[in-house]
N, C-alpha and C. Protein backbone atom coordinates (compact mmCIF):
# COMPACT_ATOMS: atom_id res chain seq x y z
N MET A 1 56.66 -17.51 -20.75
CA MET A 1 55.61 -16.84 -20.08
C MET A 1 54.82 -16.61 -20.23
N ALA A 2 53.89 -16.97 -19.96
CA ALA A 2 52.50 -17.43 -19.92
C ALA A 2 52.21 -15.77 -20.22
N GLU A 3 51.05 -15.50 -21.06
CA GLU A 3 50.02 -14.32 -22.15
C GLU A 3 49.15 -14.40 -21.53
N LEU A 4 48.57 -12.52 -21.19
CA LEU A 4 47.05 -12.35 -20.08
C LEU A 4 46.09 -11.69 -21.16
N LYS A 5 45.51 -12.57 -20.68
CA LYS A 5 44.30 -12.41 -21.49
C LYS A 5 43.40 -11.52 -21.13
N LYS A 6 43.18 -9.90 -22.06
CA LYS A 6 42.52 -9.11 -22.00
C LYS A 6 40.51 -9.63 -22.07
N HIS A 7 40.07 -9.34 -20.74
CA HIS A 7 38.40 -9.93 -21.23
C HIS A 7 37.23 -8.34 -21.51
N PHE A 8 36.99 -8.22 -22.47
CA PHE A 8 36.73 -7.26 -22.53
C PHE A 8 34.96 -7.67 -23.30
N GLY A 9 33.67 -6.78 -22.86
CA GLY A 9 32.40 -6.50 -23.31
C GLY A 9 32.37 -6.53 -22.38
N ARG A 10 31.41 -7.44 -22.12
CA ARG A 10 30.39 -7.42 -20.47
C ARG A 10 30.33 -8.86 -19.59
N PRO A 11 30.56 -8.96 -18.84
CA PRO A 11 30.79 -9.94 -18.08
C PRO A 11 29.52 -11.30 -18.09
N LYS A 12 30.20 -12.32 -17.67
CA LYS A 12 29.27 -13.28 -18.09
C LYS A 12 28.14 -13.74 -16.90
N LEU A 13 26.83 -13.94 -17.49
CA LEU A 13 26.21 -14.10 -16.47
C LEU A 13 26.47 -15.32 -15.21
N GLN A 14 25.80 -14.92 -14.26
CA GLN A 14 26.57 -16.32 -13.31
C GLN A 14 25.24 -16.73 -13.39
N ASP A 15 23.98 -17.16 -13.97
CA ASP A 15 22.92 -17.99 -14.14
C ASP A 15 22.15 -18.40 -15.09
N GLY A 16 23.61 -18.61 -15.82
CA GLY A 16 22.65 -19.08 -17.44
C GLY A 16 23.87 -17.87 -18.25
N LYS A 17 22.97 -18.41 -20.11
CA LYS A 17 22.55 -17.10 -20.71
C LYS A 17 21.25 -17.65 -21.22
N ARG A 18 20.63 -16.19 -21.22
CA ARG A 18 19.80 -15.83 -22.01
C ARG A 18 19.51 -15.97 -23.07
N VAL A 19 18.43 -17.45 -23.46
CA VAL A 19 18.78 -17.98 -24.89
C VAL A 19 17.69 -17.48 -25.56
N LYS A 20 15.72 -17.73 -24.75
CA LYS A 20 14.61 -17.25 -25.07
C LYS A 20 14.51 -15.84 -25.36
N LYS A 21 13.41 -15.60 -26.31
CA LYS A 21 13.04 -13.76 -26.44
C LYS A 21 11.39 -14.28 -26.66
N LEU A 22 11.08 -12.93 -25.86
CA LEU A 22 9.45 -13.05 -25.84
C LEU A 22 9.45 -11.12 -26.67
N ASP A 23 8.58 -11.46 -27.51
CA ASP A 23 8.50 -10.29 -27.98
C ASP A 23 6.68 -9.90 -27.18
N VAL A 24 6.66 -9.25 -27.13
CA VAL A 24 5.11 -8.38 -26.05
C VAL A 24 4.55 -7.41 -26.92
N ARG A 25 3.75 -7.00 -26.57
CA ARG A 25 3.12 -5.08 -28.06
C ARG A 25 2.06 -4.54 -26.84
N PHE A 26 2.89 -3.29 -26.89
CA PHE A 26 1.58 -2.52 -25.60
C PHE A 26 1.17 -1.63 -27.13
N THR A 27 0.35 -1.31 -25.31
CA THR A 27 -0.70 0.58 -26.38
C THR A 27 1.13 1.70 -26.10
N GLN A 28 0.05 2.85 -27.01
CA GLN A 28 1.27 3.61 -26.29
C GLN A 28 1.26 3.86 -24.93
N GLU A 29 -0.32 4.52 -24.52
CA GLU A 29 -0.87 4.47 -23.07
C GLU A 29 0.27 3.60 -22.64
N GLU A 30 0.41 2.03 -22.25
CA GLU A 30 0.88 1.23 -21.59
C GLU A 30 2.44 1.61 -21.69
N TYR A 31 3.04 1.61 -22.64
CA TYR A 31 4.37 1.57 -23.05
C TYR A 31 4.82 2.94 -22.15
N ASP A 32 4.04 4.54 -22.37
CA ASP A 32 4.32 5.10 -22.00
C ASP A 32 4.74 4.60 -20.48
N ARG A 33 3.51 4.14 -19.65
CA ARG A 33 2.95 3.50 -18.63
C ARG A 33 4.81 2.79 -18.48
N ILE A 34 5.36 2.16 -18.98
CA ILE A 34 6.64 0.78 -18.39
C ILE A 34 7.52 2.94 -18.82
N VAL A 35 7.59 2.83 -19.08
CA VAL A 35 8.64 3.77 -19.95
C VAL A 35 9.32 5.22 -18.18
N SER A 36 7.97 5.29 -17.95
CA SER A 36 7.50 6.31 -16.75
C SER A 36 7.78 5.62 -15.73
N MET A 37 7.77 4.33 -15.18
CA MET A 37 7.63 3.25 -14.42
C MET A 37 9.80 3.14 -14.17
N GLU A 38 10.13 3.24 -15.93
CA GLU A 38 11.54 2.97 -15.77
C GLU A 38 12.59 4.36 -15.57
N LYS A 39 11.49 5.16 -15.38
CA LYS A 39 12.68 6.36 -14.94
C LYS A 39 12.82 6.82 -13.91
N ALA A 40 11.15 5.90 -13.34
CA ALA A 40 11.23 6.43 -12.23
C ALA A 40 11.85 5.81 -11.01
N PHE A 41 11.70 3.98 -11.35
CA PHE A 41 12.99 3.34 -10.49
C PHE A 41 14.06 2.88 -10.80
N GLY A 42 15.07 3.61 -12.31
CA GLY A 42 15.35 3.58 -12.22
C GLY A 42 16.49 2.58 -13.24
N ILE A 43 15.23 1.48 -13.80
CA ILE A 43 15.93 0.69 -13.46
C ILE A 43 15.51 -0.13 -15.52
N SER A 44 15.78 -0.96 -16.63
CA SER A 44 15.81 -0.92 -17.55
C SER A 44 14.34 -1.36 -17.39
N LYS A 45 13.71 -1.17 -19.30
CA LYS A 45 12.29 -1.52 -19.05
C LYS A 45 12.38 -3.28 -19.13
N THR A 46 13.72 -3.78 -19.80
CA THR A 46 13.53 -5.16 -19.69
C THR A 46 13.75 -5.55 -18.28
N GLU A 47 14.36 -5.30 -17.58
CA GLU A 47 14.68 -5.84 -16.11
C GLU A 47 13.44 -5.28 -14.58
N LEU A 48 12.43 -4.15 -15.39
CA LEU A 48 11.59 -3.92 -14.81
C LEU A 48 10.47 -5.17 -15.16
N LEU A 49 10.09 -5.77 -16.67
CA LEU A 49 9.07 -6.61 -17.21
C LEU A 49 9.68 -8.01 -16.14
N ARG A 50 10.59 -8.24 -16.05
CA ARG A 50 11.33 -9.24 -16.06
C ARG A 50 10.56 -9.67 -14.73
N MET A 51 11.43 -8.32 -13.24
CA MET A 51 11.45 -8.39 -12.57
C MET A 51 9.40 -9.15 -11.71
N ARG A 52 8.49 -8.10 -12.61
CA ARG A 52 7.32 -7.75 -12.84
C ARG A 52 7.08 -9.30 -12.79
N VAL A 53 7.20 -9.81 -13.63
CA VAL A 53 6.42 -11.03 -14.65
C VAL A 53 6.86 -12.46 -13.58
N LEU A 54 8.62 -12.19 -13.26
CA LEU A 54 8.86 -13.29 -12.85
C LEU A 54 8.63 -13.11 -10.91
N ASN A 55 9.41 -12.00 -11.28
CA ASN A 55 8.99 -12.36 -8.79
C ASN A 55 7.91 -11.60 -8.49
N ASP A 56 6.51 -11.38 -8.18
CA ASP A 56 5.77 -10.36 -8.95
C ASP A 56 4.55 -11.21 -9.37
N ALA A 57 5.40 -12.90 -9.89
CA ALA A 57 4.39 -13.31 -10.75
C ALA A 57 2.52 -13.25 -9.35
N ASP A 58 3.19 -13.76 -8.68
CA ASP A 58 2.43 -14.19 -6.89
C ASP A 58 2.08 -13.41 -6.27
N LYS A 59 2.12 -12.13 -6.35
CA LYS A 59 2.11 -10.95 -6.05
C LYS A 59 0.55 -10.06 -6.69
N ILE A 60 -0.26 -9.50 -5.26
CA ILE A 60 -1.01 -8.11 -6.12
C ILE A 60 0.00 -7.79 -6.15
N ILE A 61 -0.90 -7.14 -7.61
CA ILE A 61 -0.29 -5.61 -8.60
C ILE A 61 -1.46 -4.46 -7.61
N VAL A 62 -0.60 -3.57 -6.69
CA VAL A 62 -1.20 -2.29 -6.47
C VAL A 62 -0.91 -0.99 -6.78
N ASN A 63 -2.03 -0.66 -7.60
CA ASN A 63 -1.24 0.52 -8.48
C ASN A 63 -1.46 1.32 -6.85
N ALA A 64 0.25 1.88 -6.81
CA ALA A 64 0.09 2.44 -5.60
C ALA A 64 -0.51 4.00 -5.55
N ALA A 65 -0.52 4.87 -6.64
CA ALA A 65 -1.79 6.01 -5.79
C ALA A 65 -2.97 6.03 -5.94
N GLU A 66 -3.32 4.79 -6.14
CA GLU A 66 -5.06 5.06 -6.25
C GLU A 66 -5.37 4.49 -4.93
N LEU A 67 -3.53 3.47 -4.93
CA LEU A 67 -4.46 2.82 -3.01
C LEU A 67 -3.98 4.82 -2.03
N LEU A 68 -3.22 5.09 -1.90
CA LEU A 68 -2.92 5.89 -0.88
C LEU A 68 -4.14 7.49 -1.37
N LYS A 69 -5.06 7.69 -2.89
CA LYS A 69 -5.70 8.27 -2.53
C LYS A 69 -7.14 7.28 -2.10
N LEU A 70 -7.28 6.17 -1.84
CA LEU A 70 -8.34 5.64 -0.49
C LEU A 70 -7.51 5.68 0.85
N LEU A 71 -6.48 5.52 0.97
CA LEU A 71 -6.12 6.09 2.74
C LEU A 71 -6.11 6.72 2.67
N ASP A 72 -5.98 8.28 1.59
CA ASP A 72 -6.10 9.13 2.74
C ASP A 72 -7.35 9.02 3.17
N ARG A 73 -8.62 9.03 1.56
CA ARG A 73 -10.30 9.13 1.81
C ARG A 73 -10.24 8.24 3.62
N THR A 74 -9.86 7.28 3.37
CA THR A 74 -9.33 6.86 4.60
C THR A 74 -9.61 7.05 6.41
N GLY A 75 -8.13 7.92 5.98
CA GLY A 75 -7.79 8.87 7.05
C GLY A 75 -8.63 9.83 7.11
N ALA A 76 -9.29 10.91 6.04
CA ALA A 76 -10.20 11.59 6.27
C ALA A 76 -11.44 11.31 7.27
N GLU A 77 -12.12 10.23 7.31
CA GLU A 77 -13.38 9.60 7.80
C GLU A 77 -13.15 8.88 8.91
N LEU A 78 -11.84 8.77 10.02
CA LEU A 78 -11.01 8.30 10.45
C LEU A 78 -11.06 9.81 11.49
N GLY A 79 -10.80 10.86 11.31
CA GLY A 79 -10.88 11.88 11.65
C GLY A 79 -12.04 12.32 11.85
N ARG A 80 -13.14 12.08 10.76
CA ARG A 80 -14.97 12.64 10.94
C ARG A 80 -15.40 12.00 12.73
N ALA A 81 -14.50 10.65 12.44
CA ALA A 81 -15.62 9.62 13.74
C ALA A 81 -14.93 10.20 14.92
N GLY A 82 -13.55 10.88 14.99
CA GLY A 82 -12.47 11.25 15.72
C GLY A 82 -14.06 12.32 16.73
N ASN A 83 -13.61 13.69 15.59
CA ASN A 83 -14.85 14.70 15.92
C ASN A 83 -16.31 14.12 16.05
N ASN A 84 -16.76 12.75 16.37
CA ASN A 84 -17.85 11.90 16.31
C ASN A 84 -18.25 12.47 17.43
N ILE A 85 -16.91 11.53 18.20
CA ILE A 85 -16.21 11.22 19.93
C ILE A 85 -17.12 12.14 20.46
N ASN A 86 -16.12 13.52 19.82
CA ASN A 86 -15.32 13.67 21.14
C ASN A 86 -16.76 14.69 21.34
N GLN A 87 -17.17 15.04 20.56
CA GLN A 87 -19.42 15.79 20.15
C GLN A 87 -19.50 14.68 21.27
N LEU A 88 -19.96 13.87 20.88
CA LEU A 88 -20.88 13.06 21.81
C LEU A 88 -20.22 13.07 23.47
N ALA A 89 -19.30 12.41 23.28
CA ALA A 89 -18.38 12.90 24.87
C ALA A 89 -18.93 14.26 25.55
N LYS A 90 -18.36 15.10 25.17
CA LYS A 90 -18.75 16.41 25.21
C LYS A 90 -20.04 16.59 26.22
N HIS A 91 -20.95 16.15 25.00
CA HIS A 91 -22.44 16.12 25.04
C HIS A 91 -22.55 15.73 26.22
N ALA A 92 -22.02 14.62 27.16
CA ALA A 92 -22.38 12.90 27.44
C ALA A 92 -21.90 13.70 29.13
N ASN A 93 -20.73 14.59 28.91
CA ASN A 93 -20.24 15.50 30.09
C ASN A 93 -21.09 16.44 30.72
N THR A 94 -21.76 17.14 29.41
CA THR A 94 -22.46 18.43 29.93
C THR A 94 -24.01 17.87 30.71
N GLU A 95 -24.40 16.48 30.61
CA GLU A 95 -25.43 16.33 30.68
C GLU A 95 -25.67 15.60 32.06
N LYS A 96 -24.35 15.60 31.84
CA LYS A 96 -24.14 14.48 33.08
C LYS A 96 -24.36 15.74 34.54
N LEU A 97 -23.09 17.20 33.95
CA LEU A 97 -23.56 18.21 35.14
C LEU A 97 -24.79 18.92 35.30
N ALA A 98 -25.28 18.47 34.72
CA ALA A 98 -26.85 19.33 34.72
C ALA A 98 -27.67 18.52 35.26
N GLY A 99 -27.43 17.07 36.19
CA GLY A 99 -27.84 16.35 36.07
C GLY A 99 -28.71 14.86 35.13
N LYS A 100 -28.74 15.19 34.26
CA LYS A 100 -29.43 14.39 33.31
C LYS A 100 -29.19 13.20 33.36
N ASN A 101 -28.45 12.12 33.65
CA ASN A 101 -27.51 11.59 32.95
C ASN A 101 -28.03 9.99 33.03
N ASP A 102 -28.54 9.57 31.70
CA ASP A 102 -28.99 8.57 31.00
C ASP A 102 -28.49 7.49 31.19
N LEU A 103 -29.11 6.46 32.34
CA LEU A 103 -27.64 5.11 31.73
C LEU A 103 -27.50 3.97 30.36
N ARG A 104 -29.17 4.26 30.13
CA ARG A 104 -29.24 3.37 28.44
C ARG A 104 -28.77 4.30 27.68
N VAL A 105 -28.70 5.21 27.42
CA VAL A 105 -27.61 6.27 26.60
C VAL A 105 -26.49 5.99 26.62
N THR A 106 -25.91 5.71 27.68
CA THR A 106 -24.28 6.12 27.88
C THR A 106 -24.37 3.48 27.90
N ALA A 107 -25.06 3.08 27.72
CA ALA A 107 -24.61 2.22 27.46
C ALA A 107 -24.33 1.62 26.01
N ALA A 108 -25.29 2.61 25.88
CA ALA A 108 -25.68 2.21 24.23
C ALA A 108 -24.45 3.15 23.48
N PHE A 109 -24.16 4.54 24.29
CA PHE A 109 -22.47 4.96 23.50
C PHE A 109 -20.93 4.15 24.18
N ASN A 110 -21.21 3.41 24.95
CA ASN A 110 -20.14 1.79 25.35
C ASN A 110 -20.25 1.66 25.13
N ASN A 111 -20.88 -0.11 23.90
CA ASN A 111 -21.33 -0.47 23.08
C ASN A 111 -20.81 0.14 21.32
N LEU A 112 -21.53 1.77 21.23
CA LEU A 112 -20.93 1.75 20.05
C LEU A 112 -19.18 2.17 19.83
N MET A 113 -18.88 2.19 20.88
CA MET A 113 -17.03 3.05 20.91
C MET A 113 -16.33 1.10 21.64
N ALA A 114 -17.00 0.72 21.28
CA ALA A 114 -16.42 -0.22 21.24
C ALA A 114 -16.14 -0.94 20.42
N GLU A 115 -17.14 -1.33 19.65
CA GLU A 115 -17.78 -1.04 18.15
C GLU A 115 -16.23 -0.78 17.60
N TYR A 116 -16.47 0.72 17.64
CA TYR A 116 -15.74 1.62 16.39
C TYR A 116 -13.76 0.82 17.07
N ILE A 117 -13.66 0.67 18.40
CA ILE A 117 -12.29 0.62 18.51
C ILE A 117 -11.85 -0.90 17.74
N SER A 118 -13.20 -1.59 17.73
CA SER A 118 -12.38 -3.28 17.39
C SER A 118 -12.72 -2.20 15.15
N ILE A 119 -13.39 -2.16 15.25
CA ILE A 119 -13.12 -1.57 13.62
C ILE A 119 -11.87 -1.00 12.96
N GLN A 120 -11.36 0.16 14.08
CA GLN A 120 -10.17 0.86 13.87
C GLN A 120 -8.84 -0.37 14.02
N GLN A 121 -9.50 -1.09 14.92
CA GLN A 121 -8.11 -2.13 15.62
C GLN A 121 -7.83 -3.02 13.94
N ALA A 122 -9.05 -3.89 13.41
CA ALA A 122 -8.47 -4.26 12.50
C ALA A 122 -8.20 -3.42 11.17
N LEU A 123 -8.42 -1.97 11.34
CA LEU A 123 -7.48 -1.52 9.95
C LEU A 123 -6.78 -1.27 9.87
N GLU A 124 -6.12 -1.11 11.60
CA GLU A 124 -4.71 -0.94 11.68
C GLU A 124 -3.86 -1.92 11.50
N LYS A 125 -4.87 -3.10 11.95
CA LYS A 125 -4.00 -4.65 10.83
C LYS A 125 -3.82 -5.03 9.87
N SER A 126 -4.84 -4.10 9.24
CA SER A 126 -5.25 -3.94 8.11
C SER A 126 -3.94 -3.76 6.77
N PHE A 127 -3.80 -2.56 7.55
CA PHE A 127 -3.18 -0.92 6.65
C PHE A 127 -1.33 -1.80 6.71
N ARG A 128 -0.82 -2.02 8.75
CA ARG A 128 0.39 -3.24 8.72
C ARG A 128 0.16 -4.20 7.63
N LYS A 129 -0.62 -4.68 6.81
CA LYS A 129 -0.33 -6.49 6.56
C LYS A 129 -0.24 -5.73 5.01
N ILE A 130 -1.07 -4.65 4.33
CA ILE A 130 -0.52 -3.45 3.46
C ILE A 130 1.09 -3.03 3.35
N ILE A 131 1.63 -2.76 4.51
CA ILE A 131 2.14 -1.79 3.71
C ILE A 131 3.68 -2.95 4.42
N ARG A 132 3.43 -4.39 5.12
CA ARG A 132 4.74 -4.92 4.58
C ARG A 132 4.66 -5.26 3.20
N LEU A 133 3.02 -6.23 2.66
CA LEU A 133 3.41 -6.68 1.12
C LEU A 133 3.72 -5.65 0.41
N MET A 134 3.65 -4.43 -0.25
CA MET A 134 3.89 -3.32 -0.92
C MET A 134 5.96 -3.04 -0.24
N GLY A 135 6.52 -3.44 1.07
CA GLY A 135 7.36 -3.19 0.86
C GLY A 135 9.04 -4.62 0.51
N LYS A 136 7.67 -5.71 0.26
CA LYS A 136 8.73 -6.56 -0.06
C LYS A 136 8.86 -6.06 -1.78
């Protein structure tokens, strides 16, 4: 009769045994950040560091909180620009109704509007790229 062997302990590693060790020292602030990330992501410090060093070594590391602050400021600035455009359009319509339509002002406005649209499209493209990079 064949005896059944019971396996206890941790399962065998699929990729091989980890036999090398690195010792790293952190300041208290750095360590607190790592602990905070460990809690936020729900993974161990070891796995977090392994992922960040080995998987993300070729990526730019971004401070997400700082990026969100900058994006918030950018969105507010776009809102102000939109308000300015609406005010200029209202002024142009008022001038047109009064019969004071100056073609030079209209041409200058159209040029500025075209430039604004191209900048906004480039900004949207950059936002999409950032979102894709953060999703990886």
